[in-house]
Amino acid sequence: MTSGSVREPEVVPRPEFDFGAFTRAFDAERRSRGLTWYTLTDELWDQSADLNAQRPEDHCLCGGAVSRLPAREDTSCQYALFMLRWLGRPPEDFVRDARDVGDTRLPEAGPDRRLRWDLPQLHVALDERRRELGLTWSGLADVLGCTPARLTNLRSARQADLALVMRITQWLGRPAADFIHPATW
């Protein structure tokens, strides 16, 4: 490089959740165990059998809906936890260009619990980091490739799409497990 020439900024790929790899992993495991989509959803639901017995008003999983996930190419972060727990794998296993964020193991959850994302907690961490960097919500939304409302809505959200929450945890440099807890509701 000669003096006076401008060096092009290095383009660093943004970590992205690979939904195809995720669905291929749980489908391959389903097939290796000889399960239909409906017996798979029974196993997923039965991971929390004691909690389910205490909460009969909760909706069980639908085999048809789970079988359509590969075609949809997206799901909520809460729904994905059933499959991740069953696979015994953290969501970071399915992030392309993942950053090293430390220990990614999901928390243990017995039959009396379900794994749940704490989205308000994720919002607090995101807002703190945003303020540290002097970013507006619009500026941060540009960085994360979404709308500002999708970020600010995390404050009171119960659901969010998996790709977005994984983009956020990667941007924060924190494991998803920091925001996932065994819950009884």
N, C-alpha and C. Protein backbone atom coordinates (compact mmCIF):
# COMPACT_ATOMS: atom_id res chain seq x y z
N MET A 1 0.86 -1.17 0.00
CA MET A 1 0.00 0.00 0.00
C MET A 1 0.90 1.24 0.00
N THR A 2 0.63 2.16 -0.89
CA THR A 2 1.41 3.39 -0.98
C THR A 2 0.86 4.41 -0.01
N SER A 3 1.70 5.37 0.34
CA SER A 3 1.20 6.40 1.25
C SER A 3 0.09 7.18 0.55
N GLY A 4 -0.90 7.52 1.30
CA GLY A 4 -2.02 8.26 0.76
C GLY A 4 -3.15 7.37 0.25
N SER A 5 -2.89 6.06 0.09
CA SER A 5 -3.98 5.18 -0.36
C SER A 5 -4.84 4.80 0.83
N VAL A 6 -6.08 4.58 0.55
CA VAL A 6 -7.05 4.27 1.60
C VAL A 6 -7.22 2.76 1.66
N ARG A 7 -7.15 2.23 2.83
CA ARG A 7 -7.33 0.79 3.03
C ARG A 7 -8.83 0.50 3.18
N GLU A 8 -9.30 -0.48 2.45
CA GLU A 8 -10.71 -0.88 2.56
C GLU A 8 -10.95 -1.52 3.93
N PRO A 9 -12.07 -1.18 4.56
CA PRO A 9 -12.36 -1.80 5.86
C PRO A 9 -12.61 -3.30 5.68
N GLU A 10 -12.15 -4.05 6.66
CA GLU A 10 -12.35 -5.50 6.63
C GLU A 10 -13.83 -5.80 6.87
N VAL A 11 -14.40 -6.62 6.05
CA VAL A 11 -15.79 -7.00 6.20
C VAL A 11 -15.83 -8.27 7.05
N VAL A 12 -16.44 -8.14 8.21
CA VAL A 12 -16.56 -9.27 9.11
C VAL A 12 -17.98 -9.81 8.99
N PRO A 13 -18.11 -11.10 8.65
CA PRO A 13 -19.47 -11.63 8.50
C PRO A 13 -20.23 -11.57 9.82
N ARG A 14 -21.49 -11.23 9.72
CA ARG A 14 -22.35 -11.19 10.90
C ARG A 14 -22.77 -12.62 11.22
N PRO A 15 -22.62 -13.04 12.47
CA PRO A 15 -23.09 -14.38 12.84
C PRO A 15 -24.59 -14.52 12.58
N GLU A 16 -24.96 -15.62 11.96
CA GLU A 16 -26.37 -15.86 11.64
C GLU A 16 -26.75 -17.28 12.04
N PHE A 17 -27.94 -17.42 12.58
CA PHE A 17 -28.45 -18.73 12.93
C PHE A 17 -28.75 -19.49 11.64
N ASP A 18 -28.22 -20.71 11.52
CA ASP A 18 -28.42 -21.56 10.35
C ASP A 18 -29.61 -22.47 10.61
N PHE A 19 -30.78 -21.99 10.24
CA PHE A 19 -32.00 -22.73 10.52
C PHE A 19 -32.03 -24.08 9.80
N GLY A 20 -31.48 -24.13 8.61
CA GLY A 20 -31.42 -25.39 7.88
C GLY A 20 -30.60 -26.43 8.61
N ALA A 21 -29.44 -26.04 9.13
CA ALA A 21 -28.61 -26.98 9.89
C ALA A 21 -29.34 -27.45 11.15
N PHE A 22 -30.05 -26.54 11.79
CA PHE A 22 -30.82 -26.88 12.99
C PHE A 22 -31.90 -27.92 12.67
N THR A 23 -32.70 -27.67 11.63
CA THR A 23 -33.78 -28.60 11.31
C THR A 23 -33.24 -29.92 10.79
N ARG A 24 -32.13 -29.88 10.05
CA ARG A 24 -31.52 -31.15 9.60
C ARG A 24 -31.04 -31.96 10.79
N ALA A 25 -30.51 -31.30 11.82
CA ALA A 25 -30.01 -32.01 13.00
C ALA A 25 -31.14 -32.71 13.74
N PHE A 26 -32.26 -32.01 13.99
CA PHE A 26 -33.31 -32.70 14.74
C PHE A 26 -34.05 -33.70 13.87
N ASP A 27 -34.12 -33.47 12.56
CA ASP A 27 -34.74 -34.46 11.69
C ASP A 27 -33.88 -35.72 11.60
N ALA A 28 -32.56 -35.56 11.50
CA ALA A 28 -31.67 -36.72 11.44
C ALA A 28 -31.76 -37.53 12.74
N GLU A 29 -31.81 -36.84 13.86
CA GLU A 29 -31.94 -37.54 15.15
C GLU A 29 -33.30 -38.24 15.24
N ARG A 30 -34.33 -37.57 14.77
CA ARG A 30 -35.67 -38.18 14.75
C ARG A 30 -35.66 -39.47 13.94
N ARG A 31 -35.06 -39.42 12.76
CA ARG A 31 -34.99 -40.60 11.90
C ARG A 31 -34.16 -41.70 12.53
N SER A 32 -33.02 -41.33 13.14
CA SER A 32 -32.15 -42.35 13.74
C SER A 32 -32.85 -43.08 14.90
N ARG A 33 -33.78 -42.40 15.54
CA ARG A 33 -34.54 -43.03 16.63
C ARG A 33 -35.82 -43.70 16.13
N GLY A 34 -36.07 -43.61 14.82
CA GLY A 34 -37.25 -44.24 14.25
C GLY A 34 -38.55 -43.59 14.66
N LEU A 35 -38.54 -42.28 14.84
CA LEU A 35 -39.72 -41.56 15.30
C LEU A 35 -40.46 -40.91 14.14
N THR A 36 -41.76 -40.88 14.21
CA THR A 36 -42.55 -40.06 13.29
C THR A 36 -42.52 -38.64 13.84
N TRP A 37 -43.04 -37.70 13.06
CA TRP A 37 -43.11 -36.33 13.56
C TRP A 37 -43.98 -36.26 14.82
N TYR A 38 -45.02 -37.07 14.85
CA TYR A 38 -45.94 -37.03 16.00
C TYR A 38 -45.33 -37.70 17.23
N THR A 39 -44.56 -38.77 17.05
CA THR A 39 -43.90 -39.36 18.22
C THR A 39 -42.75 -38.47 18.68
N LEU A 40 -42.14 -37.76 17.75
CA LEU A 40 -41.12 -36.78 18.15
C LEU A 40 -41.74 -35.71 19.03
N THR A 41 -42.86 -35.15 18.62
CA THR A 41 -43.46 -34.09 19.43
C THR A 41 -43.92 -34.63 20.78
N ASP A 42 -44.33 -35.88 20.84
CA ASP A 42 -44.65 -36.48 22.14
C ASP A 42 -43.41 -36.48 23.03
N GLU A 43 -42.26 -36.89 22.47
CA GLU A 43 -41.01 -36.89 23.25
C GLU A 43 -40.62 -35.48 23.67
N LEU A 44 -40.75 -34.53 22.76
CA LEU A 44 -40.42 -33.15 23.10
C LEU A 44 -41.28 -32.65 24.25
N TRP A 45 -42.57 -32.91 24.17
CA TRP A 45 -43.50 -32.45 25.20
C TRP A 45 -43.25 -33.18 26.52
N ASP A 46 -42.95 -34.46 26.44
CA ASP A 46 -42.76 -35.26 27.65
C ASP A 46 -41.48 -34.94 28.40
N GLN A 47 -40.60 -34.11 27.82
CA GLN A 47 -39.42 -33.67 28.56
C GLN A 47 -39.82 -32.96 29.85
N SER A 48 -41.01 -32.39 29.86
CA SER A 48 -41.53 -31.66 31.01
C SER A 48 -42.81 -32.30 31.52
N ALA A 49 -42.82 -33.62 31.60
CA ALA A 49 -44.05 -34.37 31.92
C ALA A 49 -44.68 -33.93 33.25
N ASP A 50 -43.87 -33.72 34.28
CA ASP A 50 -44.42 -33.32 35.58
C ASP A 50 -45.06 -31.94 35.50
N LEU A 51 -44.39 -31.02 34.83
CA LEU A 51 -44.94 -29.67 34.67
C LEU A 51 -46.23 -29.72 33.84
N ASN A 52 -46.23 -30.54 32.79
CA ASN A 52 -47.42 -30.66 31.95
C ASN A 52 -48.61 -31.16 32.76
N ALA A 53 -48.37 -32.09 33.67
CA ALA A 53 -49.45 -32.63 34.50
C ALA A 53 -50.01 -31.54 35.42
N GLN A 54 -49.16 -30.62 35.86
CA GLN A 54 -49.60 -29.53 36.74
C GLN A 54 -50.28 -28.41 35.95
N ARG A 55 -50.03 -28.36 34.65
CA ARG A 55 -50.54 -27.26 33.82
C ARG A 55 -51.28 -27.82 32.61
N PRO A 56 -52.42 -28.46 32.83
CA PRO A 56 -53.14 -29.07 31.70
C PRO A 56 -53.66 -28.06 30.68
N GLU A 57 -53.69 -26.79 31.05
CA GLU A 57 -54.15 -25.76 30.12
C GLU A 57 -53.10 -25.41 29.06
N ASP A 58 -51.85 -25.82 29.30
CA ASP A 58 -50.80 -25.55 28.31
C ASP A 58 -51.06 -26.34 27.04
N HIS A 59 -50.67 -25.78 25.94
CA HIS A 59 -50.86 -26.44 24.65
C HIS A 59 -49.65 -27.31 24.34
N CYS A 60 -49.91 -28.56 24.02
CA CYS A 60 -48.81 -29.43 23.64
C CYS A 60 -48.35 -29.09 22.23
N LEU A 61 -47.27 -29.68 21.84
CA LEU A 61 -46.71 -29.43 20.52
C LEU A 61 -47.47 -30.22 19.46
N CYS A 62 -47.48 -29.70 18.26
CA CYS A 62 -48.18 -30.34 17.14
C CYS A 62 -47.16 -30.94 16.17
N GLY A 63 -47.30 -32.22 15.91
CA GLY A 63 -46.39 -32.90 14.99
C GLY A 63 -46.38 -32.28 13.61
N GLY A 64 -47.56 -31.85 13.13
CA GLY A 64 -47.63 -31.21 11.83
C GLY A 64 -46.86 -29.91 11.79
N ALA A 65 -46.99 -29.12 12.84
CA ALA A 65 -46.27 -27.84 12.90
C ALA A 65 -44.76 -28.05 12.95
N VAL A 66 -44.31 -29.02 13.74
CA VAL A 66 -42.87 -29.30 13.82
C VAL A 66 -42.37 -29.82 12.48
N SER A 67 -43.15 -30.65 11.81
CA SER A 67 -42.70 -31.19 10.52
C SER A 67 -42.58 -30.10 9.45
N ARG A 68 -43.30 -29.00 9.61
CA ARG A 68 -43.25 -27.89 8.64
C ARG A 68 -42.14 -26.87 8.94
N LEU A 69 -41.46 -27.02 10.06
CA LEU A 69 -40.42 -26.04 10.39
C LEU A 69 -39.35 -25.92 9.31
N PRO A 70 -38.85 -27.02 8.73
CA PRO A 70 -37.82 -26.84 7.70
C PRO A 70 -38.28 -25.96 6.54
N ALA A 71 -39.52 -26.06 6.13
CA ALA A 71 -40.03 -25.25 5.03
C ALA A 71 -40.24 -23.80 5.45
N ARG A 72 -40.57 -23.58 6.72
CA ARG A 72 -40.81 -22.22 7.21
C ARG A 72 -39.52 -21.44 7.36
N GLU A 73 -38.43 -22.14 7.65
CA GLU A 73 -37.11 -21.55 7.82
C GLU A 73 -37.03 -20.54 8.96
N ASP A 74 -37.89 -20.70 9.96
CA ASP A 74 -37.87 -19.82 11.12
C ASP A 74 -38.80 -20.39 12.18
N THR A 75 -38.54 -20.05 13.41
CA THR A 75 -39.44 -20.40 14.51
C THR A 75 -39.17 -19.44 15.65
N SER A 76 -40.02 -19.50 16.66
CA SER A 76 -39.79 -18.65 17.82
C SER A 76 -38.66 -19.24 18.67
N CYS A 77 -38.04 -18.38 19.40
CA CYS A 77 -36.95 -18.84 20.28
C CYS A 77 -37.47 -19.80 21.34
N GLN A 78 -38.71 -19.59 21.81
CA GLN A 78 -39.27 -20.47 22.84
C GLN A 78 -39.54 -21.87 22.27
N TYR A 79 -40.10 -21.93 21.08
CA TYR A 79 -40.43 -23.21 20.44
C TYR A 79 -39.15 -24.00 20.17
N ALA A 80 -38.11 -23.32 19.72
CA ALA A 80 -36.84 -23.99 19.40
C ALA A 80 -36.22 -24.66 20.61
N LEU A 81 -36.49 -24.13 21.80
CA LEU A 81 -35.89 -24.71 23.00
C LEU A 81 -36.32 -26.16 23.23
N PHE A 82 -37.51 -26.53 22.80
CA PHE A 82 -37.93 -27.93 22.93
C PHE A 82 -36.97 -28.84 22.16
N MET A 83 -36.66 -28.46 20.92
CA MET A 83 -35.79 -29.27 20.08
C MET A 83 -34.34 -29.22 20.56
N LEU A 84 -33.89 -28.04 20.94
CA LEU A 84 -32.51 -27.92 21.42
C LEU A 84 -32.30 -28.74 22.68
N ARG A 85 -33.25 -28.70 23.58
CA ARG A 85 -33.15 -29.49 24.81
C ARG A 85 -33.11 -30.98 24.48
N TRP A 86 -33.96 -31.42 23.56
CA TRP A 86 -34.03 -32.81 23.16
C TRP A 86 -32.72 -33.26 22.51
N LEU A 87 -32.13 -32.38 21.70
CA LEU A 87 -30.85 -32.68 21.06
C LEU A 87 -29.69 -32.60 22.05
N GLY A 88 -29.88 -31.88 23.15
CA GLY A 88 -28.79 -31.66 24.09
C GLY A 88 -27.72 -30.74 23.51
N ARG A 89 -28.16 -29.78 22.70
CA ARG A 89 -27.22 -28.88 22.04
C ARG A 89 -27.65 -27.43 22.23
N PRO A 90 -26.68 -26.53 22.38
CA PRO A 90 -27.01 -25.11 22.50
C PRO A 90 -27.27 -24.51 21.13
N PRO A 91 -27.98 -23.39 21.07
CA PRO A 91 -28.25 -22.77 19.77
C PRO A 91 -26.98 -22.33 19.05
N GLU A 92 -25.93 -22.02 19.79
CA GLU A 92 -24.67 -21.59 19.17
C GLU A 92 -24.10 -22.66 18.24
N ASP A 93 -24.45 -23.92 18.45
CA ASP A 93 -23.99 -24.98 17.55
C ASP A 93 -24.47 -24.77 16.12
N PHE A 94 -25.47 -23.94 15.94
CA PHE A 94 -26.08 -23.74 14.63
C PHE A 94 -25.91 -22.31 14.12
N VAL A 95 -24.93 -21.60 14.66
CA VAL A 95 -24.68 -20.22 14.22
C VAL A 95 -23.47 -20.21 13.30
N ARG A 96 -23.69 -19.72 12.07
CA ARG A 96 -22.58 -19.55 11.11
C ARG A 96 -21.74 -18.35 11.56
N ASP A 97 -20.44 -18.52 11.47
CA ASP A 97 -19.51 -17.45 11.86
C ASP A 97 -19.70 -17.04 13.32
N ALA A 98 -20.00 -18.03 14.17
CA ALA A 98 -20.25 -17.76 15.59
C ALA A 98 -19.00 -17.21 16.26
N ARG A 99 -19.24 -16.30 17.16
CA ARG A 99 -18.17 -15.77 18.00
C ARG A 99 -18.01 -16.68 19.21
N ASP A 100 -16.83 -16.69 19.77
CA ASP A 100 -16.61 -17.45 21.00
C ASP A 100 -17.21 -16.63 22.14
N VAL A 101 -18.26 -17.18 22.74
CA VAL A 101 -18.96 -16.46 23.81
C VAL A 101 -18.84 -17.19 25.14
N GLY A 102 -17.97 -18.17 25.22
CA GLY A 102 -17.79 -18.90 26.46
C GLY A 102 -18.65 -20.15 26.51
N ASP A 103 -19.01 -20.54 27.72
CA ASP A 103 -19.76 -21.77 27.96
C ASP A 103 -21.19 -21.62 27.42
N THR A 104 -21.53 -22.41 26.44
CA THR A 104 -22.83 -22.29 25.79
C THR A 104 -23.82 -23.37 26.22
N ARG A 105 -23.43 -24.24 27.11
CA ARG A 105 -24.34 -25.33 27.52
C ARG A 105 -25.65 -24.77 28.05
N LEU A 106 -26.74 -25.40 27.61
CA LEU A 106 -28.05 -25.02 28.11
C LEU A 106 -28.19 -25.43 29.57
N PRO A 107 -28.98 -24.70 30.35
CA PRO A 107 -29.21 -25.10 31.73
C PRO A 107 -29.96 -26.43 31.79
N GLU A 108 -29.73 -27.16 32.85
CA GLU A 108 -30.46 -28.42 33.07
C GLU A 108 -31.89 -28.08 33.47
N ALA A 109 -32.80 -28.89 32.97
CA ALA A 109 -34.21 -28.73 33.33
C ALA A 109 -34.79 -30.12 33.54
N GLY A 110 -35.32 -30.36 34.71
CA GLY A 110 -35.94 -31.64 35.01
C GLY A 110 -37.34 -31.72 34.42
N PRO A 111 -38.04 -32.82 34.70
CA PRO A 111 -39.39 -33.00 34.16
C PRO A 111 -40.41 -32.01 34.73
N ASP A 112 -40.02 -31.26 35.77
CA ASP A 112 -40.92 -30.27 36.35
C ASP A 112 -40.68 -28.86 35.79
N ARG A 113 -39.87 -28.76 34.74
CA ARG A 113 -39.50 -27.46 34.19
C ARG A 113 -39.47 -27.49 32.66
N ARG A 114 -39.56 -26.30 32.08
CA ARG A 114 -39.31 -26.09 30.66
C ARG A 114 -38.25 -25.02 30.53
N LEU A 115 -37.43 -25.14 29.54
CA LEU A 115 -36.48 -24.07 29.26
C LEU A 115 -37.24 -22.92 28.61
N ARG A 116 -36.95 -21.71 29.07
CA ARG A 116 -37.61 -20.51 28.54
C ARG A 116 -36.59 -19.38 28.40
N TRP A 117 -36.72 -18.65 27.31
CA TRP A 117 -35.94 -17.43 27.14
C TRP A 117 -36.53 -16.35 28.03
N ASP A 118 -35.67 -15.59 28.69
CA ASP A 118 -36.09 -14.41 29.44
C ASP A 118 -35.81 -13.21 28.55
N LEU A 119 -36.79 -12.88 27.71
CA LEU A 119 -36.60 -11.80 26.74
C LEU A 119 -36.48 -10.43 27.38
N PRO A 120 -37.21 -10.12 28.46
CA PRO A 120 -36.96 -8.84 29.13
C PRO A 120 -35.52 -8.72 29.65
N GLN A 121 -34.95 -9.82 30.14
CA GLN A 121 -33.56 -9.80 30.59
C GLN A 121 -32.62 -9.54 29.41
N LEU A 122 -32.93 -10.14 28.26
CA LEU A 122 -32.14 -9.90 27.05
C LEU A 122 -32.25 -8.42 26.65
N HIS A 123 -33.44 -7.85 26.76
CA HIS A 123 -33.63 -6.44 26.43
C HIS A 123 -32.77 -5.55 27.33
N VAL A 124 -32.73 -5.84 28.63
CA VAL A 124 -31.92 -5.04 29.56
C VAL A 124 -30.45 -5.07 29.14
N ALA A 125 -29.93 -6.26 28.85
CA ALA A 125 -28.52 -6.38 28.44
C ALA A 125 -28.26 -5.64 27.14
N LEU A 126 -29.20 -5.74 26.21
CA LEU A 126 -29.07 -5.07 24.92
C LEU A 126 -29.09 -3.55 25.11
N ASP A 127 -30.01 -3.07 25.92
CA ASP A 127 -30.12 -1.63 26.16
C ASP A 127 -28.87 -1.10 26.85
N GLU A 128 -28.35 -1.84 27.82
CA GLU A 128 -27.12 -1.40 28.52
C GLU A 128 -25.96 -1.27 27.53
N ARG A 129 -25.79 -2.27 26.69
CA ARG A 129 -24.69 -2.23 25.72
C ARG A 129 -24.90 -1.13 24.68
N ARG A 130 -26.13 -0.94 24.25
CA ARG A 130 -26.46 0.11 23.30
C ARG A 130 -26.07 1.48 23.86
N ARG A 131 -26.43 1.70 25.13
CA ARG A 131 -26.11 2.98 25.77
C ARG A 131 -24.60 3.17 25.92
N GLU A 132 -23.89 2.07 26.31
CA GLU A 132 -22.43 2.14 26.43
C GLU A 132 -21.78 2.59 25.13
N LEU A 133 -22.33 2.13 24.02
CA LEU A 133 -21.77 2.45 22.70
C LEU A 133 -22.32 3.73 22.11
N GLY A 134 -23.28 4.36 22.80
CA GLY A 134 -23.87 5.60 22.31
C GLY A 134 -24.72 5.42 21.06
N LEU A 135 -25.33 4.26 20.93
CA LEU A 135 -26.18 3.97 19.77
C LEU A 135 -27.63 4.31 20.05
N THR A 136 -28.32 4.77 19.05
CA THR A 136 -29.77 4.90 19.15
C THR A 136 -30.37 3.53 18.85
N TRP A 137 -31.67 3.37 19.13
CA TRP A 137 -32.32 2.10 18.78
C TRP A 137 -32.29 1.91 17.27
N SER A 138 -32.44 2.99 16.51
CA SER A 138 -32.38 2.89 15.04
C SER A 138 -31.00 2.47 14.58
N GLY A 139 -29.98 3.05 15.18
CA GLY A 139 -28.61 2.68 14.82
C GLY A 139 -28.32 1.23 15.14
N LEU A 140 -28.77 0.78 16.30
CA LEU A 140 -28.56 -0.61 16.68
C LEU A 140 -29.35 -1.54 15.77
N ALA A 141 -30.55 -1.14 15.40
CA ALA A 141 -31.36 -1.95 14.49
C ALA A 141 -30.65 -2.12 13.15
N ASP A 142 -29.99 -1.07 12.68
CA ASP A 142 -29.22 -1.17 11.43
C ASP A 142 -28.09 -2.19 11.58
N VAL A 143 -27.41 -2.15 12.71
CA VAL A 143 -26.32 -3.09 12.96
C VAL A 143 -26.83 -4.53 12.98
N LEU A 144 -28.00 -4.73 13.59
CA LEU A 144 -28.53 -6.09 13.77
C LEU A 144 -29.44 -6.53 12.62
N GLY A 145 -29.71 -5.65 11.69
CA GLY A 145 -30.51 -6.03 10.52
C GLY A 145 -31.98 -6.28 10.82
N CYS A 146 -32.58 -5.37 11.60
CA CYS A 146 -34.00 -5.50 11.93
C CYS A 146 -34.57 -4.10 12.14
N THR A 147 -35.81 -4.03 12.56
CA THR A 147 -36.42 -2.73 12.85
C THR A 147 -36.19 -2.38 14.33
N PRO A 148 -36.20 -1.10 14.66
CA PRO A 148 -36.06 -0.72 16.07
C PRO A 148 -37.16 -1.33 16.95
N ALA A 149 -38.38 -1.43 16.42
CA ALA A 149 -39.49 -1.97 17.22
C ALA A 149 -39.23 -3.42 17.63
N ARG A 150 -38.59 -4.18 16.77
CA ARG A 150 -38.30 -5.58 17.13
C ARG A 150 -37.36 -5.65 18.33
N LEU A 151 -36.53 -4.65 18.50
CA LEU A 151 -35.60 -4.62 19.64
C LEU A 151 -36.29 -4.08 20.88
N THR A 152 -36.98 -2.96 20.76
CA THR A 152 -37.61 -2.37 21.94
C THR A 152 -38.76 -3.23 22.45
N ASN A 153 -39.40 -3.99 21.57
CA ASN A 153 -40.50 -4.87 21.99
C ASN A 153 -40.03 -6.02 22.87
N LEU A 154 -38.75 -6.32 22.85
CA LEU A 154 -38.24 -7.41 23.71
C LEU A 154 -38.49 -7.11 25.19
N ARG A 155 -38.64 -5.84 25.53
CA ARG A 155 -38.85 -5.45 26.92
C ARG A 155 -40.03 -6.17 27.54
N SER A 156 -41.09 -6.40 26.75
CA SER A 156 -42.28 -7.05 27.29
C SER A 156 -42.68 -8.30 26.50
N ALA A 157 -41.84 -8.74 25.62
CA ALA A 157 -42.17 -9.87 24.73
C ALA A 157 -42.13 -11.21 25.45
N ARG A 158 -42.97 -12.11 25.00
CA ARG A 158 -42.91 -13.51 25.44
C ARG A 158 -42.33 -14.37 24.33
N GLN A 159 -42.41 -13.88 23.09
CA GLN A 159 -41.91 -14.60 21.92
C GLN A 159 -41.05 -13.66 21.08
N ALA A 160 -40.07 -14.23 20.42
CA ALA A 160 -39.27 -13.52 19.42
C ALA A 160 -38.71 -14.58 18.50
N ASP A 161 -38.33 -14.16 17.30
CA ASP A 161 -37.81 -15.18 16.40
C ASP A 161 -36.39 -15.57 16.79
N LEU A 162 -36.11 -16.83 16.59
CA LEU A 162 -34.83 -17.41 17.02
C LEU A 162 -33.65 -16.73 16.36
N ALA A 163 -33.75 -16.45 15.07
CA ALA A 163 -32.62 -15.83 14.37
C ALA A 163 -32.27 -14.48 15.00
N LEU A 164 -33.27 -13.70 15.36
CA LEU A 164 -33.00 -12.39 15.95
C LEU A 164 -32.34 -12.51 17.32
N VAL A 165 -32.87 -13.35 18.19
CA VAL A 165 -32.28 -13.43 19.53
C VAL A 165 -30.85 -13.97 19.47
N MET A 166 -30.59 -14.86 18.52
CA MET A 166 -29.21 -15.36 18.40
C MET A 166 -28.29 -14.29 17.81
N ARG A 167 -28.79 -13.46 16.91
CA ARG A 167 -28.00 -12.35 16.40
C ARG A 167 -27.65 -11.40 17.55
N ILE A 168 -28.63 -11.17 18.44
CA ILE A 168 -28.41 -10.28 19.58
C ILE A 168 -27.39 -10.86 20.55
N THR A 169 -27.53 -12.13 20.92
CA THR A 169 -26.58 -12.71 21.88
C THR A 169 -25.17 -12.72 21.31
N GLN A 170 -25.07 -12.99 20.02
CA GLN A 170 -23.74 -12.96 19.39
C GLN A 170 -23.17 -11.54 19.41
N TRP A 171 -24.00 -10.55 19.12
CA TRP A 171 -23.54 -9.16 19.14
C TRP A 171 -23.11 -8.76 20.55
N LEU A 172 -23.84 -9.24 21.55
CA LEU A 172 -23.48 -8.96 22.94
C LEU A 172 -22.22 -9.70 23.36
N GLY A 173 -21.88 -10.77 22.63
CA GLY A 173 -20.73 -11.59 23.01
C GLY A 173 -21.03 -12.46 24.22
N ARG A 174 -22.29 -12.85 24.35
CA ARG A 174 -22.72 -13.65 25.50
C ARG A 174 -23.42 -14.91 25.02
N PRO A 175 -23.31 -15.99 25.79
CA PRO A 175 -24.01 -17.21 25.41
C PRO A 175 -25.52 -17.05 25.58
N ALA A 176 -26.27 -17.71 24.71
CA ALA A 176 -27.73 -17.69 24.83
C ALA A 176 -28.15 -18.19 26.20
N ALA A 177 -27.42 -19.13 26.75
CA ALA A 177 -27.76 -19.71 28.05
C ALA A 177 -27.84 -18.67 29.16
N ASP A 178 -27.19 -17.52 28.98
CA ASP A 178 -27.31 -16.44 29.98
C ASP A 178 -28.75 -15.94 30.09
N PHE A 179 -29.54 -16.18 29.04
CA PHE A 179 -30.90 -15.65 28.98
C PHE A 179 -31.96 -16.75 28.93
N ILE A 180 -31.54 -17.98 29.19
CA ILE A 180 -32.44 -19.14 29.16
C ILE A 180 -32.46 -19.75 30.56
N HIS A 181 -33.66 -20.00 31.06
CA HIS A 181 -33.79 -20.50 32.43
C HIS A 181 -34.80 -21.63 32.49
N PRO A 182 -34.59 -22.60 33.39
CA PRO A 182 -35.62 -23.61 33.63
C PRO A 182 -36.77 -22.94 34.36
N ALA A 183 -37.97 -23.04 33.81
CA ALA A 183 -39.11 -22.31 34.37
C ALA A 183 -40.26 -23.24 34.68
N THR A 184 -41.03 -22.84 35.69
CA THR A 184 -42.28 -23.53 36.01
C THR A 184 -43.46 -22.65 35.67
N TRP A 185 -43.21 -21.44 35.29
CA TRP A 185 -44.20 -20.39 35.02
C TRP A 185 -44.70 -19.86 36.33
